[in-house]
PDB file of all heavy atoms in Angstrom:
ATOM      1  N   GLN A   1     103.708  94.733  97.273  1.00  0.00           N
ATOM      2  CA  GLN A   1     104.425  93.597  97.868  1.00  0.00           C
ATOM      3  C   GLN A   1     105.251  94.062  99.060  1.00  0.00           C
ATOM      4  O   GLN A   1     105.274  93.389 100.098  1.00  0.00           O
ATOM      5  CB  GLN A   1     105.326  92.928  96.837  1.00  0.00           C
ATOM      6  CG  GLN A   1     104.572  92.092  95.845  1.00  0.00           C
ATOM      7  CD  GLN A   1     105.482  91.504  94.760  1.00  0.00           C
ATOM      8  OE1 GLN A   1     106.646  91.880  94.630  1.00  0.00           O
ATOM      9  NE2 GLN A   1     104.937  90.596  93.989  1.00  0.00           N
ATOM     10  N   ASP A   2     105.935  95.197  98.914  1.00  0.00           N
ATOM     11  CA  ASP A   2     106.743  95.719 100.015  1.00  0.00           C
ATOM     12  C   ASP A   2     105.871  96.014 101.234  1.00  0.00           C
ATOM     13  O   ASP A   2     106.223  95.665 102.359  1.00  0.00           O
ATOM     14  CB  ASP A   2     107.487  96.990  99.595  1.00  0.00           C
ATOM     15  CG  ASP A   2     108.603  96.730  98.595  1.00  0.00           C
ATOM     16  OD1 ASP A   2     108.975  95.540  98.408  1.00  0.00           O
ATOM     17  OD2 ASP A   2     109.087  97.701  97.991  1.00  0.00           O
ATOM     18  N   VAL A   3     104.720  96.666 100.998  1.00  0.00           N
ATOM     19  CA  VAL A   3     103.804  96.996 102.094  1.00  0.00           C
ATOM     20  C   VAL A   3     103.321  95.712 102.772  1.00  0.00           C
ATOM     21  O   VAL A   3     103.357  95.585 103.995  1.00  0.00           O
ATOM     22  CB  VAL A   3     102.611  97.831 101.571  1.00  0.00           C
ATOM     23  CG1 VAL A   3     101.464  97.870 102.573  1.00  0.00           C
ATOM     24  CG2 VAL A   3     103.063  99.247 101.239  1.00  0.00           C
ATOM     25  N   ILE A   4     102.867  94.775 101.980  1.00  0.00           N
ATOM     26  CA  ILE A   4     102.303  93.543 102.546  1.00  0.00           C
ATOM     27  C   ILE A   4     103.358  92.714 103.272  1.00  0.00           C
ATOM     28  O   ILE A   4     103.113  92.233 104.389  1.00  0.00           O
ATOM     29  CB  ILE A   4     101.577  92.744 101.456  1.00  0.00           C
ATOM     30  CG1 ILE A   4     100.294  93.491 101.088  1.00  0.00           C
ATOM     31  CG2 ILE A   4     101.287  91.326 101.906  1.00  0.00           C
ATOM     32  CD1 ILE A   4      99.588  92.977  99.878  1.00  0.00           C
ATOM     33  N   LEU A   5     104.519  92.557 102.684  1.00  0.00           N
ATOM     34  CA  LEU A   5     105.569  91.790 103.354  1.00  0.00           C
ATOM     35  C   LEU A   5     105.959  92.429 104.681  1.00  0.00           C
ATOM     36  O   LEU A   5     106.133  91.738 105.684  1.00  0.00           O
ATOM     37  CB  LEU A   5     106.788  91.638 102.451  1.00  0.00           C
ATOM     38  CG  LEU A   5     106.650  90.611 101.339  1.00  0.00           C
ATOM     39  CD1 LEU A   5     107.849  90.666 100.396  1.00  0.00           C
ATOM     40  CD2 LEU A   5     106.497  89.212 101.910  1.00  0.00           C
ATOM     41  N   HIS A   6     106.085  93.753 104.685  1.00  0.00           N
ATOM     42  CA  HIS A   6     106.449  94.427 105.937  1.00  0.00           C
ATOM     43  C   HIS A   6     105.346  94.261 106.977  1.00  0.00           C
ATOM     44  O   HIS A   6     105.618  94.003 108.146  1.00  0.00           O
ATOM     45  CB  HIS A   6     106.749  95.908 105.698  1.00  0.00           C
ATOM     46  CG  HIS A   6     107.355  96.552 106.904  1.00  0.00           C
ATOM     47  ND1 HIS A   6     108.653  96.327 107.280  1.00  0.00           N
ATOM     48  CD2 HIS A   6     106.821  97.372 107.839  1.00  0.00           C
ATOM     49  CE1 HIS A   6     108.899  96.993 108.399  1.00  0.00           C
ATOM     50  NE2 HIS A   6     107.800  97.626 108.757  1.00  0.00           N
ATOM     51  N   GLY A   7     104.092  94.413 106.543  1.00  0.00           N
ATOM     52  CA  GLY A   7     102.969  94.240 107.472  1.00  0.00           C
ATOM     53  C   GLY A   7     102.907  92.837 108.041  1.00  0.00           C
ATOM     54  O   GLY A   7     102.676  92.640 109.244  1.00  0.00           O
ATOM     55  N   LEU A   8     103.124  91.842 107.196  1.00  0.00           N
ATOM     56  CA  LEU A   8     103.064  90.457 107.661  1.00  0.00           C
ATOM     57  C   LEU A   8     104.177  90.132 108.652  1.00  0.00           C
ATOM     58  O   LEU A   8     104.016  89.278 109.522  1.00  0.00           O
ATOM     59  CB  LEU A   8     103.099  89.494 106.472  1.00  0.00           C
ATOM     60  CG  LEU A   8     101.824  89.479 105.630  1.00  0.00           C
ATOM     61  CD1 LEU A   8     102.027  88.662 104.352  1.00  0.00           C
ATOM     62  CD2 LEU A   8     100.634  88.967 106.417  1.00  0.00           C
ATOM     63  N   LYS A   9     105.296  90.825 108.551  1.00  0.00           N
ATOM     64  CA  LYS A   9     106.376  90.636 109.529  1.00  0.00           C
ATOM     65  C   LYS A   9     105.937  91.081 110.926  1.00  0.00           C
ATOM     66  O   LYS A   9     106.501  90.647 111.921  1.00  0.00           O
ATOM     67  CB  LYS A   9     107.619  91.445 109.135  1.00  0.00           C
ATOM     68  CG  LYS A   9     108.359  90.909 107.950  1.00  0.00           C
ATOM     69  CD  LYS A   9     109.542  91.818 107.657  1.00  0.00           C
ATOM     70  CE  LYS A   9     110.175  91.534 106.329  1.00  0.00           C
ATOM     71  NZ  LYS A   9     111.224  92.512 106.004  1.00  0.00           N
ATOM     72  N   LEU A  10     104.929  91.954 110.980  1.00  0.00           N
ATOM     73  CA  LEU A  10     104.472  92.486 112.266  1.00  0.00           C
ATOM     74  C   LEU A  10     103.323  91.682 112.874  1.00  0.00           C
ATOM     75  O   LEU A  10     102.847  92.007 113.964  1.00  0.00           O
ATOM     76  CB  LEU A  10     104.055  93.956 112.107  1.00  0.00           C
ATOM     77  CG  LEU A  10     105.171  94.896 111.641  1.00  0.00           C
ATOM     78  CD1 LEU A  10     104.634  96.304 111.445  1.00  0.00           C
ATOM     79  CD2 LEU A  10     106.335  94.891 112.610  1.00  0.00           C
ATOM     80  N   VAL A  11     102.873  90.641 112.170  1.00  0.00           N
ATOM     81  CA  VAL A  11     101.833  89.777 112.733  1.00  0.00           C
ATOM     82  C   VAL A  11     102.347  89.236 114.064  1.00  0.00           C
ATOM     83  O   VAL A  11     103.480  88.765 114.160  1.00  0.00           O
ATOM     84  CB  VAL A  11     101.464  88.638 111.761  1.00  0.00           C
ATOM     85  CG1 VAL A  11     100.633  87.567 112.453  1.00  0.00           C
ATOM     86  CG2 VAL A  11     100.715  89.208 110.559  1.00  0.00           C
ATOM     87  N   GLY A  12     101.528  89.346 115.090  1.00  0.00           N
ATOM     88  CA  GLY A  12     101.918  88.893 116.423  1.00  0.00           C
ATOM     89  C   GLY A  12     102.330  90.018 117.358  1.00  0.00           C
ATOM     90  O   GLY A  12     102.412  89.813 118.573  1.00  0.00           O
ATOM     91  N   VAL A  13     102.569  91.227 116.831  1.00  0.00           N
ATOM     92  CA  VAL A  13     102.907  92.364 117.699  1.00  0.00           C
ATOM     93  C   VAL A  13     101.655  92.733 118.495  1.00  0.00           C
ATOM     94  O   VAL A  13     100.548  92.793 117.957  1.00  0.00           O
ATOM     95  CB  VAL A  13     103.395  93.580 116.863  1.00  0.00           C
ATOM     96  CG1 VAL A  13     103.512  94.835 117.723  1.00  0.00           C
ATOM     97  CG2 VAL A  13     104.717  93.260 116.195  1.00  0.00           C
ATOM     98  N   ARG A  14     101.823  92.982 119.777  1.00  0.00           N
ATOM     99  CA  ARG A  14     100.658  93.244 120.624  1.00  0.00           C
ATOM    100  C   ARG A  14     100.031  94.600 120.338  1.00  0.00           C
ATOM    101  O   ARG A  14     100.716  95.537 119.908  1.00  0.00           O
ATOM    102  CB  ARG A  14     101.005  93.099 122.097  1.00  0.00           C
ATOM    103  CG  ARG A  14     101.838  94.214 122.675  1.00  0.00           C
ATOM    104  CD  ARG A  14     102.115  93.951 124.170  1.00  0.00           C
ATOM    105  NE  ARG A  14     102.778  95.092 124.751  1.00  0.00           N
ATOM    106  CZ  ARG A  14     102.159  96.127 125.303  1.00  0.00           C
ATOM    107  NH1 ARG A  14     100.857  96.159 125.360  1.00  0.00           N
ATOM    108  NH2 ARG A  14     102.839  97.142 125.800  1.00  0.00           N
ATOM    109  N   TYR A  15      98.725  94.681 120.580  1.00  0.00           N
ATOM    110  CA  TYR A  15      97.978  95.918 120.415  1.00  0.00           C
ATOM    111  C   TYR A  15      98.193  96.798 121.651  1.00  0.00           C
ATOM    112  O   TYR A  15      98.220  96.315 122.780  1.00  0.00           O
ATOM    113  CB  TYR A  15      96.476  95.614 120.282  1.00  0.00           C
ATOM    114  CG  TYR A  15      95.630  96.864 120.166  1.00  0.00           C
ATOM    115  CD1 TYR A  15      95.282  97.360 118.921  1.00  0.00           C
ATOM    116  CD2 TYR A  15      95.202  97.541 121.299  1.00  0.00           C
ATOM    117  CE1 TYR A  15      94.520  98.509 118.800  1.00  0.00           C
ATOM    118  CE2 TYR A  15      94.440  98.697 121.194  1.00  0.00           C
ATOM    119  CZ  TYR A  15      94.101  99.172 119.953  1.00  0.00           C
ATOM    120  OH  TYR A  15      93.349 100.308 119.849  1.00  0.00           O
ATOM    121  N   ARG A  16      98.333  98.096 121.403  1.00  0.00           N
ATOM    122  CA  ARG A  16      98.333  99.081 122.485  1.00  0.00           C
ATOM    123  C   ARG A  16      97.669 100.328 121.956  1.00  0.00           C
ATOM    124  O   ARG A  16      98.082 100.876 120.920  1.00  0.00           O
ATOM    125  CB  ARG A  16      99.742  99.417 122.968  1.00  0.00           C
ATOM    126  CG  ARG A  16      99.706 100.404 124.170  1.00  0.00           C
ATOM    127  CD  ARG A  16     101.069 100.649 124.759  1.00  0.00           C
ATOM    128  NE  ARG A  16     101.935 101.397 123.877  1.00  0.00           N
ATOM    129  CZ  ARG A  16     101.992 102.750 123.824  1.00  0.00           C
ATOM    130  NH1 ARG A  16     101.229 103.484 124.579  1.00  0.00           N
ATOM    131  NH2 ARG A  16     102.839 103.325 123.002  1.00  0.00           N
ATOM    132  N   PHE A  17      96.617 100.797 122.638  1.00  0.00           N
ATOM    133  CA  PHE A  17      95.915 102.004 122.226  1.00  0.00           C
ATOM    134  C   PHE A  17      96.903 103.162 122.158  1.00  0.00           C
ATOM    135  O   PHE A  17      97.656 103.399 123.090  1.00  0.00           O
ATOM    136  CB  PHE A  17      94.782 102.336 123.207  1.00  0.00           C
ATOM    137  CG  PHE A  17      93.978 103.528 122.787  1.00  0.00           C
ATOM    138  CD1 PHE A  17      93.029 103.411 121.777  1.00  0.00           C
ATOM    139  CD2 PHE A  17      94.182 104.766 123.365  1.00  0.00           C
ATOM    140  CE1 PHE A  17      92.290 104.505 121.364  1.00  0.00           C
ATOM    141  CE2 PHE A  17      93.448 105.867 122.959  1.00  0.00           C
ATOM    142  CZ  PHE A  17      92.502 105.741 121.958  1.00  0.00           C
ATOM    143  N   GLY A  18      96.931 103.862 121.025  1.00  0.00           N
ATOM    144  CA  GLY A  18      97.862 104.960 120.823  1.00  0.00           C
ATOM    145  C   GLY A  18      99.269 104.502 120.481  1.00  0.00           C
ATOM    146  O   GLY A  18     100.171 105.331 120.350  1.00  0.00           O
ATOM    147  N   GLY A  19      99.462 103.198 120.315  1.00  0.00           N
ATOM    148  CA  GLY A  19     100.792 102.643 120.083  1.00  0.00           C
ATOM    149  C   GLY A  19     101.350 102.970 118.713  1.00  0.00           C
ATOM    150  O   GLY A  19     100.650 102.907 117.706  1.00  0.00           O
ATOM    151  N   ASN A  20     102.630 103.331 118.695  1.00  0.00           N
ATOM    152  CA  ASN A  20     103.310 103.741 117.468  1.00  0.00           C
ATOM    153  C   ASN A  20     104.545 102.922 117.138  1.00  0.00           C
ATOM    154  O   ASN A  20     105.176 103.157 116.125  1.00  0.00           O
ATOM    155  CB  ASN A  20     103.771 105.203 117.581  1.00  0.00           C
ATOM    156  CG  ASN A  20     102.636 106.168 117.478  1.00  0.00           C
ATOM    157  OD1 ASN A  20     101.878 106.131 116.526  1.00  0.00           O
ATOM    158  ND2 ASN A  20     102.509 107.025 118.477  1.00  0.00           N
ATOM    159  N   ASP A  21     104.948 102.006 118.013  1.00  0.00           N
ATOM    160  CA  ASP A  21     106.165 101.257 117.728  1.00  0.00           C
ATOM    161  C   ASP A  21     106.023  99.799 118.152  1.00  0.00           C
ATOM    162  O   ASP A  21     105.184  99.451 118.983  1.00  0.00           O
ATOM    163  CB  ASP A  21     107.396 101.906 118.361  1.00  0.00           C
ATOM    164  CG  ASP A  21     107.317 101.984 119.869  1.00  0.00           C
ATOM    165  OD1 ASP A  21     107.398 100.917 120.510  1.00  0.00           O
ATOM    166  OD2 ASP A  21     107.184 103.098 120.406  1.00  0.00           O
ATOM    167  N   VAL A  22     106.858  98.977 117.565  1.00  0.00           N
ATOM    168  CA  VAL A  22     106.790  97.535 117.753  1.00  0.00           C
ATOM    169  C   VAL A  22     107.060  97.149 119.203  1.00  0.00           C
ATOM    170  O   VAL A  22     106.410  96.252 119.746  1.00  0.00           O
ATOM    171  CB  VAL A  22     107.784  96.827 116.799  1.00  0.00           C
ATOM    172  CG1 VAL A  22     107.845  95.342 117.062  1.00  0.00           C
ATOM    173  CG2 VAL A  22     107.402  97.098 115.353  1.00  0.00           C
ATOM    174  N   GLU A  23     108.000  97.820 119.849  1.00  0.00           N
ATOM    175  CA  GLU A  23     108.395  97.439 121.200  1.00  0.00           C
ATOM    176  C   GLU A  23     107.261  97.622 122.209  1.00  0.00           C
ATOM    177  O   GLU A  23     107.022  96.758 123.041  1.00  0.00           O
ATOM    178  CB  GLU A  23     109.627  98.248 121.664  1.00  0.00           C
ATOM    179  CG  GLU A  23     110.893  97.913 120.909  1.00  0.00           C
ATOM    180  CD  GLU A  23     110.939  98.545 119.513  1.00  0.00           C
ATOM    181  OE1 GLU A  23     110.341  99.623 119.296  1.00  0.00           O
ATOM    182  OE2 GLU A  23     111.556  97.946 118.622  1.00  0.00           O
ATOM    183  N   SER A  24     106.550  98.748 122.144  1.00  0.00           N
ATOM    184  CA  SER A  24     105.500  98.993 123.133  1.00  0.00           C
ATOM    185  C   SER A  24     104.122  98.564 122.645  1.00  0.00           C
ATOM    186  O   SER A  24     103.198  98.436 123.429  1.00  0.00           O
ATOM    187  CB  SER A  24     105.477 100.485 123.522  1.00  0.00           C
ATOM    188  OG  SER A  24     105.197 101.282 122.393  1.00  0.00           O
ATOM    189  N   GLY A  25     103.979  98.319 121.348  1.00  0.00           N
ATOM    190  CA  GLY A  25     102.701  97.888 120.792  1.00  0.00           C
ATOM    191  C   GLY A  25     102.160  98.888 119.793  1.00  0.00           C
ATOM    192  O   GLY A  25     102.596 100.041 119.730  1.00  0.00           O
ATOM    193  N   LEU A  26     101.187  98.446 119.001  1.00  0.00           N
ATOM    194  CA  LEU A  26     100.626  99.266 117.921  1.00  0.00           C
ATOM    195  C   LEU A  26      99.102  99.255 117.985  1.00  0.00           C
ATOM    196  O   LEU A  26      98.507  98.214 118.236  1.00  0.00           O
ATOM    197  CB  LEU A  26     101.055  98.705 116.565  1.00  0.00           C
ATOM    198  CG  LEU A  26     102.544  98.686 116.253  1.00  0.00           C
ATOM    199  CD1 LEU A  26     102.837  97.777 115.067  1.00  0.00           C
ATOM    200  CD2 LEU A  26     103.026 100.105 115.974  1.00  0.00           C
ATOM    201  N   ASP A  27      98.500 100.412 117.721  1.00  0.00           N
ATOM    202  CA  ASP A  27      97.060 100.414 117.475  1.00  0.00           C
ATOM    203  C   ASP A  27      96.864 100.336 115.966  1.00  0.00           C
ATOM    204  O   ASP A  27      97.835 100.243 115.208  1.00  0.00           O
ATOM    205  CB  ASP A  27      96.355 101.611 118.129  1.00  0.00           C
ATOM    206  CG  ASP A  27      96.721 102.957 117.531  1.00  0.00           C
ATOM    207  OD1 ASP A  27      97.432 103.026 116.504  1.00  0.00           O
ATOM    208  OD2 ASP A  27      96.268 103.974 118.098  1.00  0.00           O
ATOM    209  N   CYS A  28      95.611 100.349 115.508  1.00  0.00           N
ATOM    210  CA  CYS A  28      95.372 100.108 114.074  1.00  0.00           C
ATOM    211  C   CYS A  28      96.057 101.138 113.188  1.00  0.00           C
ATOM    212  O   CYS A  28      96.735 100.784 112.222  1.00  0.00           O
ATOM    213  CB  CYS A  28      93.870 100.030 113.781  1.00  0.00           C
ATOM    214  SG  CYS A  28      92.944 101.568 113.999  1.00  0.00           S
ATOM    215  N   SER A  29      95.897 102.414 113.507  1.00  0.00           N
ATOM    216  CA  SER A  29      96.502 103.434 112.649  1.00  0.00           C
ATOM    217  C   SER A  29      98.013 103.494 112.830  1.00  0.00           C
ATOM    218  O   SER A  29      98.749 103.767 111.880  1.00  0.00           O
ATOM    219  CB  SER A  29      95.862 104.801 112.887  1.00  0.00           C
ATOM    220  OG  SER A  29      95.948 105.161 114.249  1.00  0.00           O
ATOM    221  N   GLY A  30      98.490 103.215 114.029  1.00  0.00           N
ATOM    222  CA  GLY A  30      99.933 103.148 114.252  1.00  0.00           C
ATOM    223  C   GLY A  30     100.557 102.033 113.438  1.00  0.00           C
ATOM    224  O   GLY A  30     101.639 102.186 112.865  1.00  0.00           O
ATOM    225  N   PHE A  31      99.871 100.899 113.359  1.00  0.00           N
ATOM    226  CA  PHE A  31     100.326  99.774 112.544  1.00  0.00           C
ATOM    227  C   PHE A  31     100.403 100.175 111.070  1.00  0.00           C
ATOM    228  O   PHE A  31     101.437 100.009 110.427  1.00  0.00           O
ATOM    229  CB  PHE A  31      99.381  98.579 112.736  1.00  0.00           C
ATOM    230  CG  PHE A  31      99.538  97.502 111.704  1.00  0.00           C
ATOM    231  CD1 PHE A  31     100.677  96.695 111.681  1.00  0.00           C
ATOM    232  CD2 PHE A  31      98.556  97.279 110.759  1.00  0.00           C
ATOM    233  CE1 PHE A  31     100.814  95.695 110.720  1.00  0.00           C
ATOM    234  CE2 PHE A  31      98.687  96.284 109.798  1.00  0.00           C
ATOM    235  CZ  PHE A  31      99.823  95.491 109.778  1.00  0.00           C
ATOM    236  N   VAL A  32      99.316 100.714 110.524  1.00  0.00           N
ATOM    237  CA  VAL A  32      99.272 101.088 109.105  1.00  0.00           C
ATOM    238  C   VAL A  32     100.320 102.149 108.805  1.00  0.00           C
ATOM    239  O   VAL A  32     101.055 102.060 107.813  1.00  0.00           O
ATOM    240  CB  VAL A  32      97.863 101.568 108.710  1.00  0.00           C
ATOM    241  CG1 VAL A  32      97.853 102.200 107.326  1.00  0.00           C
ATOM    242  CG2 VAL A  32      96.871 100.410 108.782  1.00  0.00           C
ATOM    243  N   ARG A  33     100.414 103.130 109.665  1.00  0.00           N
ATOM    244  CA  ARG A  33     101.370 104.227 109.471  1.00  0.00           C
ATOM    245  C   ARG A  33     102.808 103.702 109.448  1.00  0.00           C
ATOM    246  O   ARG A  33     103.606 104.062 108.577  1.00  0.00           O
ATOM    247  CB  ARG A  33     101.178 105.236 110.591  1.00  0.00           C
ATOM    248  CG  ARG A  33     101.875 106.536 110.381  1.00  0.00           C
ATOM    249  CD  ARG A  33     101.358 107.554 111.406  1.00  0.00           C
ATOM    250  NE  ARG A  33     101.755 108.874 110.980  1.00  0.00           N
ATOM    251  CZ  ARG A  33     102.655 109.590 111.614  1.00  0.00           C
ATOM    252  NH1 ARG A  33     103.229 109.141 112.720  1.00  0.00           N
ATOM    253  NH2 ARG A  33     102.981 110.780 111.170  1.00  0.00           N
ATOM    254  N   LEU A  34     103.136 102.817 110.403  1.00  0.00           N
ATOM    255  CA  LEU A  34     104.478 102.252 110.481  1.00  0.00           C
ATOM    256  C   LEU A  34     104.795 101.408 109.249  1.00  0.00           C
ATOM    257  O   LEU A  34     105.884 101.505 108.676  1.00  0.00           O
ATOM    258  CB  LEU A  34     104.617 101.402 111.756  1.00  0.00           C
ATOM    259  CG  LEU A  34     105.991 100.777 111.994  1.00  0.00           C
ATOM    260  CD1 LEU A  34     107.033 101.862 112.292  1.00  0.00           C
ATOM    261  CD2 LEU A  34     105.920  99.782 113.144  1.00  0.00           C
ATOM    262  N   VAL A  35     103.849 100.599 108.804  1.00  0.00           N
ATOM    263  CA  VAL A  35     104.067  99.746 107.641  1.00  0.00           C
ATOM    264  C   VAL A  35     104.359 100.585 106.402  1.00  0.00           C
ATOM    265  O   VAL A  35     105.319 100.327 105.676  1.00  0.00           O
ATOM    266  CB  VAL A  35     102.852  98.813 107.399  1.00  0.00           C
ATOM    267  CG1 VAL A  35     102.925  98.162 106.031  1.00  0.00           C
ATOM    268  CG2 VAL A  35     102.763  97.768 108.497  1.00  0.00           C
ATOM    269  N   PHE A  36     103.546 101.610 106.143  1.00  0.00           N
ATOM    270  CA  PHE A  36     103.745 102.432 104.946  1.00  0.00           C
ATOM    271  C   PHE A  36     105.045 103.230 105.029  1.00  0.00           C
ATOM    272  O   PHE A  36     105.750 103.364 104.044  1.00  0.00           O
ATOM    273  CB  PHE A  36     102.538 103.343 104.702  1.00  0.00           C
ATOM    274  CG  PHE A  36     101.466 102.681 103.884  1.00  0.00           C
ATOM    275  CD1 PHE A  36     100.619 101.741 104.457  1.00  0.00           C
ATOM    276  CD2 PHE A  36     101.317 102.969 102.542  1.00  0.00           C
ATOM    277  CE1 PHE A  36      99.649 101.106 103.707  1.00  0.00           C
ATOM    278  CE2 PHE A  36     100.347 102.350 101.775  1.00  0.00           C
ATOM    279  CZ  PHE A  36      99.507 101.409 102.359  1.00  0.00           C
ATOM    280  N   LYS A  37     105.373 103.748 106.215  1.00  0.00           N
ATOM    281  CA  LYS A  37     106.606 104.533 106.367  1.00  0.00           C
ATOM    282  C   LYS A  37     107.840 103.650 106.181  1.00  0.00           C
ATOM    283  O   LYS A  37     108.744 103.991 105.422  1.00  0.00           O
ATOM    284  CB  LYS A  37     106.641 105.200 107.738  1.00  0.00           C
ATOM    285  CG  LYS A  37     107.898 106.042 107.993  1.00  0.00           C
ATOM    286  CD  LYS A  37     107.857 106.759 109.312  1.00  0.00           C
ATOM    287  CE  LYS A  37     108.342 106.043 110.498  1.00  0.00           C
ATOM    288  NZ  LYS A  37     109.583 105.354 110.533  1.00  0.00           N
ATOM    289  N   ASP A  38     107.866 102.513 106.860  1.00  0.00           N
ATOM    290  CA  ASP A  38     109.060 101.665 106.827  1.00  0.00           C
ATOM    291  C   ASP A  38     109.212 100.883 105.527  1.00  0.00           C
ATOM    292  O   ASP A  38     110.322 100.528 105.153  1.00  0.00           O
ATOM    293  CB  ASP A  38     109.059 100.694 108.002  1.00  0.00           C
ATOM    294  CG  ASP A  38     109.351 101.385 109.324  1.00  0.00           C
ATOM    295  OD1 ASP A  38     109.626 102.606 109.328  1.00  0.00           O
ATOM    296  OD2 ASP A  38     109.290 100.699 110.369  1.00  0.00           O
ATOM    297  N   SER A  39     108.109 100.582 104.834  1.00  0.00           N
ATOM    298  CA  SER A  39     108.216  99.770 103.626  1.00  0.00           C
ATOM    299  C   SER A  39     108.434 100.600 102.368  1.00  0.00           C
ATOM    300  O   SER A  39     109.231 100.228 101.515  1.00  0.00           O
ATOM    301  CB  SER A  39     106.987  98.876 103.447  1.00  0.00           C
ATOM    302  OG  SER A  39     105.826  99.665 103.290  1.00  0.00           O
ATOM    303  N   ILE A  40     107.720 101.718 102.224  1.00  0.00           N
ATOM    304  CA  ILE A  40     107.845 102.501 100.988  1.00  0.00           C
ATOM    305  C   ILE A  40     108.090 103.986 101.231  1.00  0.00           C
ATOM    306  O   ILE A  40     108.091 104.775 100.291  1.00  0.00           O
ATOM    307  CB  ILE A  40     106.606 102.313 100.074  1.00  0.00           C
ATOM    308  CG1 ILE A  40     105.332 102.757 100.777  1.00  0.00           C
ATOM    309  CG2 ILE A  40     106.516 100.871  99.592  1.00  0.00           C
ATOM    310  CD1 ILE A  40     104.118 102.807  99.859  1.00  0.00           C
ATOM    311  N   GLY A  41     108.283 104.379 102.496  1.00  0.00           N
ATOM    312  CA  GLY A  41     108.610 105.771 102.805  1.00  0.00           C
ATOM    313  C   GLY A  41     107.437 106.739 102.735  1.00  0.00           C
ATOM    314  O   GLY A  41     107.640 107.945 102.732  1.00  0.00           O
ATOM    315  N   THR A  42     106.215 106.233 102.715  1.00  0.00           N
ATOM    316  CA  THR A  42     105.034 107.097 102.651  1.00  0.00           C
ATOM    317  C   THR A  42     104.588 107.447 104.061  1.00  0.00           C
ATOM    318  O   THR A  42     104.345 106.558 104.881  1.00  0.00           O
ATOM    319  CB  THR A  42     103.886 106.397 101.893  1.00  0.00           C
ATOM    320  OG1 THR A  42     104.313 106.165 100.557  1.00  0.00           O
ATOM    321  CG2 THR A  42     102.629 107.245 101.883  1.00  0.00           C
ATOM    322  N   LEU A  43     104.478 108.747 104.332  1.00  0.00           N
ATOM    323  CA  LEU A  43     104.019 109.200 105.642  1.00  0.00           C
ATOM    324  C   LEU A  43     102.515 109.426 105.603  1.00  0.00           C
ATOM    325  O   LEU A  43     102.022 110.238 104.816  1.00  0.00           O
ATOM    326  CB  LEU A  43     104.733 110.492 106.038  1.00  0.00           C
ATOM    327  CG  LEU A  43     106.248 110.385 106.189  1.00  0.00           C
ATOM    328  CD1 LEU A  43     106.855 111.747 106.491  1.00  0.00           C
ATOM    329  CD2 LEU A  43     106.608 109.388 107.276  1.00  0.00           C
ATOM    330  N   LEU A  44     101.801 108.713 106.442  1.00  0.00           N
ATOM    331  CA  LEU A  44     100.350 108.842 106.526  1.00  0.00           C
ATOM    332  C   LEU A  44      99.974 109.600 107.794  1.00  0.00           C
ATOM    333  O   LEU A  44     100.747 109.620 108.757  1.00  0.00           O
ATOM    334  CB  LEU A  44      99.705 107.453 106.546  1.00  0.00           C
ATOM    335  CG  LEU A  44      99.851 106.632 105.264  1.00  0.00           C
ATOM    336  CD1 LEU A  44      99.291 105.225 105.475  1.00  0.00           C
ATOM    337  CD2 LEU A  44      99.154 107.313 104.108  1.00  0.00           C
TER     338      LEU A  44
END
């Protein structure tokens, strides 16, 4: 639930190749990595 809720909060954030943060944009792995780190502290 924590992972999904955090991920859903990021719906609408723009894509950016190599992106790692919300402000500049996220790519697919940057999105997944950020969600797991910020929601449950798991580093991928």
